[in-house]
């Protein structure tokens, strides 16, 4: 739970990076904006062992998928 609170506390700080501002301004009105990470994804990325498996997906597979998603967003 404290990891989740920390994640929510850091969320506003994460949105102040120039890359985020540039990404926001480059999205057109009809483009689909990438979704923010869910609390579940934040906890997994922070290494919360309580979320080792979510919906049959192992923590390693989910982390790899999230890394790939982050890389794809950076490449845009």
C-alpha atoms as a PDB file:
ATOM      1  CA  UNK A   1       0.000   0.000   0.000  1.00  0.00           C
ATOM      2  CA  UNK A   2       2.790   2.438   0.773  1.00  0.00           C
ATOM      3  CA  UNK A   3       4.242   1.813  -2.701  1.00  0.00           C
ATOM      4  CA  UNK A   4       0.919   2.785  -4.218  1.00  0.00           C
ATOM      5  CA  UNK A   5       0.801   5.977  -2.173  1.00  0.00           C
ATOM      6  CA  UNK A   6       4.361   6.764  -3.235  1.00  0.00           C
ATOM      7  CA  UNK A   7       3.432   6.183  -6.875  1.00  0.00           C
ATOM      8  CA  UNK A   8       0.498   8.567  -6.635  1.00  0.00           C
ATOM      9  CA  UNK A   9       2.697  11.130  -4.908  1.00  0.00           C
ATOM     10  CA  UNK A  10       5.275  10.915  -7.707  1.00  0.00           C
ATOM     11  CA  UNK A  11       2.746  10.981 -10.547  1.00  0.00           C
ATOM     12  CA  UNK A  12       2.503  14.797 -10.775  1.00  0.00           C
ATOM     13  CA  UNK A  13       6.294  15.042 -10.834  1.00  0.00           C
ATOM     14  CA  UNK A  14       6.442  12.582 -13.730  1.00  0.00           C
ATOM     15  CA  UNK A  15       4.153  14.737 -15.860  1.00  0.00           C
ATOM     16  CA  UNK A  16       6.448  17.767 -15.683  1.00  0.00           C
ATOM     17  CA  UNK A  17       9.218  16.319 -17.860  1.00  0.00           C
ATOM     18  CA  UNK A  18       9.784  18.078 -21.219  1.00  0.00           C
ATOM     19  CA  UNK A  19       9.325  14.780 -23.089  1.00  0.00           C
ATOM     20  CA  UNK A  20       5.845  14.414 -21.625  1.00  0.00           C
ATOM     21  CA  UNK A  21       4.945  17.986 -22.559  1.00  0.00           C
ATOM     22  CA  UNK A  22       6.221  17.399 -26.095  1.00  0.00           C
ATOM     23  CA  UNK A  23       4.257  14.173 -26.392  1.00  0.00           C
ATOM     24  CA  UNK A  24       1.094  15.878 -25.181  1.00  0.00           C
ATOM     25  CA  UNK A  25       1.465  18.706 -27.680  1.00  0.00           C
ATOM     26  CA  UNK A  26       2.183  16.350 -30.585  1.00  0.00           C
ATOM     27  CA  UNK A  27      -1.044  14.393 -30.157  1.00  0.00           C
ATOM     28  CA  UNK A  28      -3.778  15.432 -32.546  1.00  0.00           C
ATOM     29  CA  UNK A  29      -7.386  15.749 -31.429  1.00  0.00           C
ATOM     30  CA  UNK A  30      -8.384  12.477 -33.062  1.00  0.00           C
ATOM     31  CA  UNK A  31      -5.329  10.518 -31.925  1.00  0.00           C
ATOM     32  CA  UNK A  32      -5.662   7.978 -29.171  1.00  0.00           C
ATOM     33  CA  UNK A  33      -3.546   9.115 -26.260  1.00  0.00           C
ATOM     34  CA  UNK A  34      -1.599   6.421 -24.422  1.00  0.00           C
ATOM     35  CA  UNK A  35      -3.276   5.484 -21.166  1.00  0.00           C
ATOM     36  CA  UNK A  36      -1.620   6.245 -17.864  1.00  0.00           C
ATOM     37  CA  UNK A  37      -0.331   3.267 -15.958  1.00  0.00           C
ATOM     38  CA  UNK A  38      -2.894   1.629 -13.745  1.00  0.00           C
ATOM     39  CA  UNK A  39      -2.226   1.268 -10.036  1.00  0.00           C
ATOM     40  CA  UNK A  40      -1.692  -2.424 -10.737  1.00  0.00           C
ATOM     41  CA  UNK A  41       0.993  -1.679 -13.352  1.00  0.00           C
ATOM     42  CA  UNK A  42       2.711   0.834 -11.083  1.00  0.00           C
ATOM     43  CA  UNK A  43       2.836  -1.684  -8.255  1.00  0.00           C
ATOM     44  CA  UNK A  44       4.261  -4.324 -10.580  1.00  0.00           C
ATOM     45  CA  UNK A  45       6.932  -1.998 -11.921  1.00  0.00           C
ATOM     46  CA  UNK A  46       7.836  -1.093  -8.350  1.00  0.00           C
ATOM     47  CA  UNK A  47       8.336  -4.792  -7.575  1.00  0.00           C
ATOM     48  CA  UNK A  48       5.325  -5.452  -5.355  1.00  0.00           C
ATOM     49  CA  UNK A  49       5.366  -9.248  -4.762  1.00  0.00           C
ATOM     50  CA  UNK A  50       1.617  -9.270  -4.108  1.00  0.00           C
ATOM     51  CA  UNK A  51       1.081  -8.813  -7.840  1.00  0.00           C
ATOM     52  CA  UNK A  52       3.276 -11.668  -9.018  1.00  0.00           C
ATOM     53  CA  UNK A  53       0.536 -12.912 -11.318  1.00  0.00           C
ATOM     54  CA  UNK A  54      -2.337 -10.865 -12.666  1.00  0.00           C
ATOM     55  CA  UNK A  55      -4.961 -12.540 -14.834  1.00  0.00           C
ATOM     56  CA  UNK A  56      -2.678 -15.475 -15.599  1.00  0.00           C
ATOM     57  CA  UNK A  57       0.193 -13.286 -16.803  1.00  0.00           C
ATOM     58  CA  UNK A  58       3.439 -13.743 -14.908  1.00  0.00           C
ATOM     59  CA  UNK A  59       5.139 -10.738 -13.422  1.00  0.00           C
ATOM     60  CA  UNK A  60       8.109 -11.160 -15.770  1.00  0.00           C
ATOM     61  CA  UNK A  61       5.888 -11.311 -18.858  1.00  0.00           C
ATOM     62  CA  UNK A  62       3.903  -8.283 -17.761  1.00  0.00           C
ATOM     63  CA  UNK A  63       7.048  -6.309 -16.953  1.00  0.00           C
ATOM     64  CA  UNK A  64       8.490  -7.184 -20.374  1.00  0.00           C
ATOM     65  CA  UNK A  65       5.265  -6.069 -22.054  1.00  0.00           C
ATOM     66  CA  UNK A  66       5.293  -2.788 -20.121  1.00  0.00           C
ATOM     67  CA  UNK A  67       8.945  -2.183 -21.029  1.00  0.00           C
ATOM     68  CA  UNK A  68       8.113  -2.779 -24.700  1.00  0.00           C
ATOM     69  CA  UNK A  69       5.166  -0.374 -24.417  1.00  0.00           C
ATOM     70  CA  UNK A  70       7.390   2.287 -22.842  1.00  0.00           C
ATOM     71  CA  UNK A  71      10.024   1.812 -25.565  1.00  0.00           C
ATOM     72  CA  UNK A  72       7.367   2.143 -28.266  1.00  0.00           C
ATOM     73  CA  UNK A  73       6.064   5.356 -26.703  1.00  0.00           C
ATOM     74  CA  UNK A  74       9.585   6.771 -26.511  1.00  0.00           C
ATOM     75  CA  UNK A  75      10.192   5.927 -30.178  1.00  0.00           C
ATOM     76  CA  UNK A  76       7.162   7.935 -31.346  1.00  0.00           C
END
